[in-house]
Amino acid sequence: MTGLRSRLRPGDLLGLGFHGLRARPLRAALSALGIAIGIAAMIAVVGISTSSQALVKERLASLGTNLLTVTAGTDLFGEDAKLSPDAVDRVRRVAGVEQASWTATLDAHVYRNDRVDPGATLGLTVAATDQDLLTTTGSALATGAWLNTATERYPTVVLGATAAERLGIVTVGSLVWLGDQQFAVAGILDPSPLAPELDTTALVGTPVATEVLGFDGSPTILYERSDDALVAQVRELLPATINPESPHEVKVSRPSDALAAKHTIDQAFTGLLVGIGSIALLVGGIGVANTMVITVLERRQEIGLRRSLGATRGHVRSQFLVEAILLALYGGVAGTAIGWAITAVVAASNGWLVAMPAVVLAAGVGTTVLVGAVAGALPAARAARTSPTAALNA
């Protein structure tokens, strides 16, 4: 007579795994919590980072990466150089240049009124500019109007977002003290991501700057936009075009590179936090392993009874391995949900769109299953090696 080989169907195996967890629900919940904390940290960090990065990419797409800024450097003797008064006209003649504008920092300060201590400048500057500044830099008005042919000839000023805040100006038509006389506020700018120096600047027209504030016609910063495909070529041409005799005295930068650098820093910071989350996940995995080791010790008689009734070592090993995987899976699903919820809350509070790749969620759950399998492998193998006789006599 041939003996029948013992079999364990997948459904029965899952049933045994679930039964083992339900038998000790508090222990299972605490062990799963360790896994949940680790995976929630990782999911939240990645989700917040990708949502922030999506905002940066959206900004770059809307503002453009084709803006270049030009400033004067230093001469051979280390003295500050100056841009020539016709520098912006030279820039506009360069092939591929679509827009160009400028600002010139003036020897003047802006105050809320004439009673303010002259030393309390609040870190604000006054600059002359032309009518093309907003379109060239991609800046926008929060309220009021930009300088035009009429207003640039009179004592009117447009304030940057920070300048208006520090001066306590919230409405157009308010008066400020600038250059020993009152100027009327014509407009207030929104924050300018690609030209942040405008945020702390009070901008006046060229004619009034020349007549009242001693403007000599030399710009401090030039702004230039060109076709995306020609940005690198234009960047190479600008120094020699602006100052043919001393091109090394001209510095050209790309403001969008600063946002890209911030994006890179965010990625590095994200990597650091993911590493911390990984440590938490490792600790959770150790907790699962510890739980399974204790479980094997407590259930030696059950193991011996099952072995004596025909269960093979493979069946016992599979049973405890499935328990460990299910335990980790509980934590993984809970942690993934918590991580996504944290991301959604942070994104909503910052006005971002939630940018959580589905592959990240799937990877989070998959990682916990892997952690559970690794953590449960040794206890499962130990359970399988348990002698039925020794287990029943324990």
Protein backbone atom coordinates (compact mmCIF):
# COMPACT_ATOMS: atom_id res chain seq x y z
CA MET A 1 0.00 0.00 0.00
CA THR A 2 1.41 3.35 -1.12
CA GLY A 3 1.14 6.25 1.34
CA LEU A 4 -0.48 9.49 0.20
CA ARG A 5 1.74 12.54 0.05
CA SER A 6 0.65 15.40 2.31
CA ARG A 7 -0.45 18.49 0.41
CA LEU A 8 -1.13 22.10 1.52
CA ARG A 9 -3.27 24.11 -0.85
CA PRO A 10 -2.60 27.88 -1.28
CA GLY A 11 -5.99 28.74 0.19
CA ASP A 12 -5.30 26.64 3.26
CA LEU A 13 -1.85 28.19 3.56
CA LEU A 14 -3.32 31.73 3.58
CA GLY A 15 -5.93 30.61 6.09
CA LEU A 16 -3.23 29.35 8.42
CA GLY A 17 -1.32 32.60 8.04
CA PHE A 18 -4.35 34.74 8.84
CA HIS A 19 -5.24 32.50 11.78
CA GLY A 20 -1.75 32.91 13.26
CA LEU A 21 -2.10 36.71 13.15
CA ARG A 22 -5.64 36.76 14.52
CA ALA A 23 -4.59 34.62 17.47
CA ARG A 24 -2.42 37.46 18.80
CA PRO A 25 -3.89 40.68 17.35
CA LEU A 26 -2.15 43.18 19.65
CA ARG A 27 1.29 41.73 19.01
CA ALA A 28 0.60 41.65 15.28
CA ALA A 29 -0.61 45.27 15.32
CA LEU A 30 2.47 46.50 17.18
CA SER A 31 4.81 44.64 14.85
CA ALA A 32 2.97 45.95 11.77
CA LEU A 33 3.20 49.46 13.23
CA GLY A 34 6.99 49.41 12.95
CA ILE A 35 6.73 48.53 9.27
CA ALA A 36 3.99 51.15 8.77
CA ILE A 37 6.07 53.96 10.28
CA GLY A 38 9.06 53.18 8.05
CA ILE A 39 7.10 52.88 4.82
CA ALA A 40 4.91 55.91 5.66
CA ALA A 41 8.06 58.01 6.12
CA MET A 42 9.45 56.89 2.79
CA ILE A 43 6.19 57.38 0.89
CA ALA A 44 5.57 60.81 2.44
CA VAL A 45 9.09 62.01 1.70
CA VAL A 46 8.98 60.86 -1.91
CA GLY A 47 5.46 62.19 -2.38
CA ILE A 48 6.22 65.62 -0.93
CA SER A 49 9.41 65.81 -2.97
CA THR A 50 7.73 64.86 -6.25
CA SER A 51 4.89 67.30 -5.59
CA SER A 52 7.39 70.08 -4.89
CA GLN A 53 9.41 69.15 -7.96
CA ALA A 54 6.26 69.20 -10.07
CA LEU A 55 5.68 72.77 -8.91
CA VAL A 56 9.25 73.75 -9.84
CA LYS A 57 8.87 72.19 -13.27
CA GLU A 58 5.53 73.93 -13.74
CA ARG A 59 7.10 77.26 -12.80
CA LEU A 60 10.01 76.74 -15.16
CA ALA A 61 7.62 75.80 -17.95
CA SER A 62 5.46 78.89 -17.38
CA LEU A 63 8.30 81.36 -16.75
CA GLY A 64 10.68 79.92 -19.32
CA THR A 65 14.32 78.90 -19.06
CA ASN A 66 15.47 81.32 -21.76
CA LEU A 67 16.06 84.36 -19.54
CA LEU A 68 19.64 85.57 -19.12
CA THR A 69 20.84 88.31 -16.79
CA VAL A 70 23.91 90.42 -17.41
CA THR A 71 25.84 92.33 -14.76
CA ALA A 72 29.18 94.10 -14.64
CA GLY A 73 32.08 92.29 -13.02
CA THR A 74 35.44 93.70 -12.01
CA ASP A 75 38.31 95.04 -14.07
CA LEU A 76 41.94 93.89 -14.01
CA PHE A 77 42.61 95.99 -10.92
CA GLY A 78 39.72 94.51 -8.97
CA GLU A 79 37.60 97.64 -9.26
CA ASP A 80 33.88 97.43 -10.02
CA ALA A 81 33.23 97.74 -13.74
CA LYS A 82 30.20 99.44 -15.31
CA LEU A 83 27.98 98.59 -18.21
CA SER A 84 27.87 101.16 -20.98
CA PRO A 85 24.68 103.24 -21.43
CA ASP A 86 24.08 101.64 -24.84
CA ALA A 87 24.51 98.09 -23.56
CA VAL A 88 20.81 97.19 -23.90
CA ASP A 89 20.76 98.48 -27.50
CA ARG A 90 23.74 96.27 -28.31
CA VAL A 91 22.02 93.27 -26.76
CA ARG A 92 18.90 93.82 -28.84
CA ARG A 93 20.99 93.63 -32.01
CA VAL A 94 22.30 90.14 -31.21
CA ALA A 95 20.81 87.46 -33.47
CA GLY A 96 18.24 85.39 -31.60
CA VAL A 97 17.44 87.97 -28.92
CA GLU A 98 13.68 88.43 -28.62
CA GLN A 99 13.37 90.81 -25.64
CA ALA A 100 15.74 92.91 -23.56
CA SER A 101 15.32 95.26 -20.62
CA TRP A 102 17.32 96.63 -17.72
CA THR A 103 17.38 98.17 -14.26
CA ALA A 104 19.85 100.70 -12.84
CA THR A 105 20.35 100.98 -9.10
CA LEU A 106 20.19 104.62 -7.99
CA ASP A 107 21.80 106.47 -5.11
CA ALA A 108 18.49 106.96 -3.36
CA HIS A 109 16.31 105.29 -0.76
CA VAL A 110 12.58 104.89 -0.30
CA TYR A 111 10.78 105.46 3.01
CA ARG A 112 7.19 105.37 4.20
CA ASN A 113 7.35 109.14 4.86
CA ASP A 114 9.85 111.95 5.49
CA ARG A 115 9.82 111.37 9.27
CA VAL A 116 11.52 107.99 9.08
CA ASP A 117 15.15 107.76 10.22
CA PRO A 118 17.33 107.91 7.05
CA GLY A 119 19.30 104.94 8.34
CA ALA A 120 16.21 102.72 8.39
CA THR A 121 16.38 101.71 4.73
CA LEU A 122 14.77 98.29 5.38
CA GLY A 123 17.18 96.77 2.86
CA LEU A 124 15.27 98.32 -0.05
CA THR A 125 16.79 99.79 -3.20
CA VAL A 126 15.60 102.28 -5.81
CA ALA A 127 16.16 101.55 -9.48
CA ALA A 128 15.35 103.11 -12.84
CA THR A 129 13.96 100.92 -15.59
CA ASP A 130 12.14 100.91 -18.92
CA GLN A 131 8.68 99.79 -19.98
CA ASP A 132 9.80 96.33 -21.18
CA LEU A 133 10.89 95.02 -17.78
CA LEU A 134 7.77 93.03 -16.91
CA THR A 135 7.48 91.16 -20.20
CA THR A 136 11.20 90.41 -20.31
CA THR A 137 11.49 89.08 -16.75
CA GLY A 138 8.10 87.36 -16.71
CA SER A 139 7.04 89.42 -13.69
CA ALA A 140 3.42 90.38 -13.06
CA LEU A 141 1.47 93.07 -11.24
CA ALA A 142 -0.43 92.17 -8.09
CA THR A 143 -2.34 95.43 -8.24
CA GLY A 144 -2.22 98.79 -10.01
CA ALA A 145 -0.52 99.59 -13.30
CA TRP A 146 2.97 99.41 -14.75
CA LEU A 147 4.96 102.45 -15.84
CA ASN A 148 3.91 103.90 -19.20
CA THR A 149 4.92 106.81 -21.40
CA ALA A 150 3.00 109.24 -19.23
CA THR A 151 3.67 108.01 -15.68
CA GLU A 152 7.40 107.37 -16.17
CA ARG A 153 7.89 111.15 -16.56
CA TYR A 154 6.33 111.95 -13.20
CA PRO A 155 7.13 111.01 -9.59
CA THR A 156 5.42 107.63 -9.67
CA VAL A 157 6.85 104.34 -8.45
CA VAL A 158 6.10 100.63 -8.75
CA LEU A 159 7.04 98.61 -5.69
CA GLY A 160 8.29 95.03 -5.54
CA ALA A 161 6.28 92.61 -3.41
CA THR A 162 8.68 92.68 -0.45
CA ALA A 163 9.25 96.42 -0.73
CA ALA A 164 5.51 97.09 -0.50
CA GLU A 165 5.20 94.78 2.50
CA ARG A 166 8.06 96.40 4.39
CA LEU A 167 6.76 99.90 3.67
CA GLY A 168 3.24 98.93 4.71
CA ILE A 169 1.77 99.79 1.29
CA VAL A 170 -1.28 97.76 0.30
CA THR A 171 -3.12 100.05 -2.12
CA VAL A 172 -2.10 102.05 -5.16
CA GLY A 173 -2.23 105.81 -4.84
CA SER A 174 -0.37 105.76 -1.52
CA LEU A 175 2.54 108.15 -1.14
CA VAL A 176 6.13 107.24 -0.25
CA TRP A 177 9.17 109.40 0.39
CA LEU A 178 11.81 108.92 -2.31
CA GLY A 179 14.67 111.22 -3.28
CA ASP A 180 13.57 114.01 -0.91
CA GLN A 181 10.10 114.21 -2.38
CA GLN A 182 6.86 112.27 -2.45
CA PHE A 183 6.20 109.63 -5.10
CA ALA A 184 2.80 108.10 -5.80
CA VAL A 185 2.59 104.31 -5.86
CA ALA A 186 1.28 103.29 -9.29
CA GLY A 187 1.49 99.52 -8.79
CA ILE A 188 2.73 96.61 -6.70
CA LEU A 189 4.40 93.56 -8.22
CA ASP A 190 3.84 89.92 -7.48
CA PRO A 191 6.96 88.03 -6.28
CA SER A 192 9.31 87.50 -9.22
CA PRO A 193 10.84 83.98 -9.21
CA LEU A 194 13.38 84.60 -11.97
CA ALA A 195 14.31 88.13 -10.89
CA PRO A 196 14.05 88.05 -7.07
CA GLU A 197 16.04 91.29 -6.79
CA LEU A 198 12.93 93.13 -8.04
CA ASP A 199 11.02 92.08 -4.90
CA THR A 200 12.99 94.53 -2.73
CA THR A 201 13.15 97.33 -5.30
CA ALA A 202 11.21 100.54 -5.89
CA LEU A 203 11.11 101.06 -9.66
CA VAL A 204 10.84 104.47 -11.33
CA GLY A 205 10.83 105.58 -14.95
CA THR A 206 13.95 106.67 -16.82
CA PRO A 207 12.94 110.33 -17.39
CA VAL A 208 12.14 111.09 -13.74
CA ALA A 209 15.21 109.14 -12.61
CA THR A 210 17.38 111.30 -14.87
CA GLU A 211 15.80 114.59 -13.91
CA VAL A 212 15.30 114.08 -10.17
CA LEU A 213 17.49 111.21 -8.98
CA GLY A 214 20.74 111.77 -10.90
CA PHE A 215 20.59 108.71 -13.17
CA ASP A 216 23.66 108.68 -15.48
CA GLY A 217 22.23 106.23 -18.04
CA SER A 218 24.39 103.22 -17.09
CA PRO A 219 22.34 100.06 -16.34
CA THR A 220 23.17 97.77 -13.44
CA ILE A 221 21.43 94.59 -14.62
CA LEU A 222 20.36 93.62 -18.13
CA TYR A 223 17.63 91.06 -18.76
CA GLU A 224 17.47 89.21 -22.06
CA ARG A 225 15.22 86.55 -23.55
CA SER A 226 16.02 84.56 -26.66
CA ASP A 227 14.79 81.47 -28.45
CA ASP A 228 15.24 78.35 -26.29
CA ALA A 229 17.43 76.71 -28.89
CA LEU A 230 19.75 79.74 -29.05
CA VAL A 231 20.22 80.46 -25.34
CA ALA A 232 23.69 78.91 -25.16
CA GLN A 233 24.81 80.67 -28.34
CA VAL A 234 23.51 84.05 -27.17
CA ARG A 235 25.12 83.55 -23.78
CA GLU A 236 28.50 83.17 -25.47
CA LEU A 237 28.00 86.29 -27.60
CA LEU A 238 26.78 88.71 -24.94
CA PRO A 239 30.08 89.59 -23.13
CA ALA A 240 31.94 90.52 -26.32
CA THR A 241 28.88 92.32 -27.70
CA ILE A 242 28.38 94.47 -24.61
CA ASN A 243 32.05 95.20 -23.96
CA PRO A 244 34.24 94.29 -26.97
CA GLU A 245 37.39 95.66 -25.33
CA SER A 246 37.01 93.81 -22.02
CA PRO A 247 34.47 90.98 -22.31
CA HIS A 248 35.79 89.44 -19.08
CA GLU A 249 34.25 92.37 -17.20
CA VAL A 250 30.76 91.16 -18.15
CA LYS A 251 29.05 88.38 -16.21
CA VAL A 252 26.15 86.43 -17.70
CA SER A 253 23.95 84.11 -15.64
CA ARG A 254 20.78 82.10 -16.15
CA PRO A 255 18.24 82.60 -13.33
CA SER A 256 16.46 79.33 -14.08
CA ASP A 257 19.69 77.55 -13.12
CA ALA A 258 19.05 78.67 -9.53
CA LEU A 259 15.65 76.98 -9.55
CA ALA A 260 17.23 73.90 -11.11
CA ALA A 261 19.90 73.95 -8.39
CA LYS A 262 17.16 74.16 -5.75
CA HIS A 263 15.53 71.18 -7.43
CA THR A 264 18.83 69.26 -7.18
CA ILE A 265 19.21 70.18 -3.51
CA ASP A 266 15.65 69.03 -2.87
CA GLN A 267 16.49 65.70 -4.51
CA ALA A 268 19.58 65.28 -2.32
CA PHE A 269 17.56 66.14 0.78
CA THR A 270 14.90 63.68 -0.34
CA GLY A 271 17.56 60.98 -0.65
CA LEU A 272 18.68 61.69 2.91
CA LEU A 273 15.15 61.43 4.26
CA VAL A 274 14.48 58.27 2.28
CA GLY A 275 17.60 56.83 3.90
CA ILE A 276 16.20 57.69 7.32
CA GLY A 277 12.91 56.08 6.34
CA SER A 278 14.81 53.00 5.23
CA ILE A 279 16.38 52.73 8.66
CA ALA A 280 12.93 52.90 10.21
CA LEU A 281 11.79 50.20 7.80
CA LEU A 282 14.78 48.06 8.76
CA VAL A 283 13.88 48.45 12.42
CA GLY A 284 10.34 47.40 11.56
CA GLY A 285 11.69 44.35 9.76
CA ILE A 286 13.72 43.41 12.81
CA GLY A 287 10.54 43.74 14.86
CA VAL A 288 8.78 41.32 12.52
CA ALA A 289 11.66 38.86 12.81
CA ASN A 290 11.59 39.14 16.58
CA THR A 291 7.84 38.57 16.65
CA MET A 292 8.13 35.50 14.46
CA VAL A 293 10.95 34.03 16.57
CA ILE A 294 8.80 34.40 19.71
CA THR A 295 5.82 32.97 17.82
CA VAL A 296 7.79 29.89 16.82
CA LEU A 297 8.90 29.32 20.43
CA GLU A 298 5.36 29.72 21.75
CA ARG A 299 3.82 27.40 19.16
CA ARG A 300 6.27 24.49 19.32
CA GLN A 301 3.55 22.09 20.42
CA GLU A 302 1.36 23.18 17.51
CA ILE A 303 4.30 22.58 15.17
CA GLY A 304 4.92 19.13 16.66
CA LEU A 305 1.24 18.20 16.38
CA ARG A 306 1.06 19.27 12.75
CA ARG A 307 4.25 17.41 11.94
CA SER A 308 2.95 14.24 13.62
CA LEU A 309 -0.25 14.50 11.54
CA GLY A 310 1.69 14.57 8.28
CA ALA A 311 2.76 18.18 7.72
CA THR A 312 6.16 18.36 6.04
CA ARG A 313 8.96 20.68 6.92
CA GLY A 314 8.11 22.66 3.79
CA HIS A 315 4.52 23.11 5.01
CA VAL A 316 5.66 24.44 8.38
CA ARG A 317 8.25 26.68 6.78
CA SER A 318 5.66 28.06 4.34
CA GLN A 319 3.13 28.66 7.10
CA PHE A 320 5.40 30.84 9.18
CA LEU A 321 6.87 32.57 6.14
CA VAL A 322 3.35 33.52 4.99
CA GLU A 323 2.55 34.82 8.48
CA ALA A 324 5.62 37.07 8.38
CA ILE A 325 4.75 38.33 4.88
CA LEU A 326 1.13 39.03 5.85
CA LEU A 327 2.29 40.83 8.97
CA ALA A 328 4.59 43.05 6.92
CA LEU A 329 1.90 43.49 4.24
CA TYR A 330 -0.54 44.84 6.83
CA GLY A 331 2.05 47.39 7.88
CA GLY A 332 2.94 48.19 4.26
CA VAL A 333 -0.64 48.89 3.20
CA ALA A 334 -1.29 50.99 6.30
CA GLY A 335 2.01 52.86 5.91
CA THR A 336 1.38 53.54 2.23
CA ALA A 337 -2.04 54.98 3.02
CA ILE A 338 -0.62 57.13 5.82
CA GLY A 339 2.23 58.35 3.60
CA TRP A 340 -0.17 59.30 0.82
CA ALA A 341 -2.43 61.12 3.30
CA ILE A 342 0.54 63.11 4.68
CA THR A 343 1.56 64.04 1.14
CA ALA A 344 -1.97 65.19 0.31
CA VAL A 345 -2.17 67.35 3.45
CA VAL A 346 1.23 68.99 2.85
CA ALA A 347 0.49 69.56 -0.84
CA ALA A 348 -2.90 71.09 -0.07
CA SER A 349 -1.44 73.39 2.59
CA ASN A 350 1.17 74.67 0.09
CA GLY A 351 -1.16 74.91 -2.89
CA TRP A 352 0.56 72.08 -4.80
CA LEU A 353 -0.96 69.36 -6.89
CA VAL A 354 -0.39 65.89 -5.43
CA ALA A 355 2.18 64.25 -7.68
CA MET A 356 2.50 60.71 -6.36
CA PRO A 357 3.61 58.18 -9.01
CA ALA A 358 1.63 54.97 -8.79
CA VAL A 359 4.87 53.02 -9.06
CA VAL A 360 5.98 54.56 -5.74
CA LEU A 361 2.88 53.24 -3.97
CA ALA A 362 3.32 49.82 -5.55
CA ALA A 363 7.02 49.81 -4.67
CA GLY A 364 6.17 50.71 -1.07
CA VAL A 365 3.90 47.70 -0.68
CA GLY A 366 6.31 45.47 -2.58
CA THR A 367 9.20 46.55 -0.38
CA THR A 368 7.31 45.62 2.77
CA VAL A 369 6.51 42.18 1.35
CA LEU A 370 10.20 41.68 0.65
CA VAL A 371 11.12 42.87 4.15
CA GLY A 372 8.57 40.47 5.61
CA ALA A 373 9.93 37.56 3.57
CA VAL A 374 13.51 38.28 4.63
CA ALA A 375 12.53 38.84 8.27
CA GLY A 376 10.46 35.65 8.41
CA ALA A 377 12.90 33.39 6.56
CA LEU A 378 15.05 32.46 9.56
CA PRO A 379 12.19 31.88 12.05
CA ALA A 380 10.34 29.84 9.40
CA ALA A 381 13.41 27.71 8.78
CA ARG A 382 13.84 27.22 12.52
CA ALA A 383 10.23 26.12 12.84
CA ALA A 384 10.69 23.64 10.01
CA ARG A 385 13.72 22.07 11.73
CA THR A 386 11.77 21.48 14.96
CA SER A 387 11.56 17.77 15.80
CA PRO A 388 7.93 16.59 16.23
CA THR A 389 8.86 14.50 19.32
CA ALA A 390 10.78 17.32 20.99
CA ALA A 391 8.02 19.79 20.20
CA LEU A 392 5.25 17.63 21.66
CA ASN A 393 7.28 17.03 24.81
CA ALA A 394 8.09 20.76 25.25
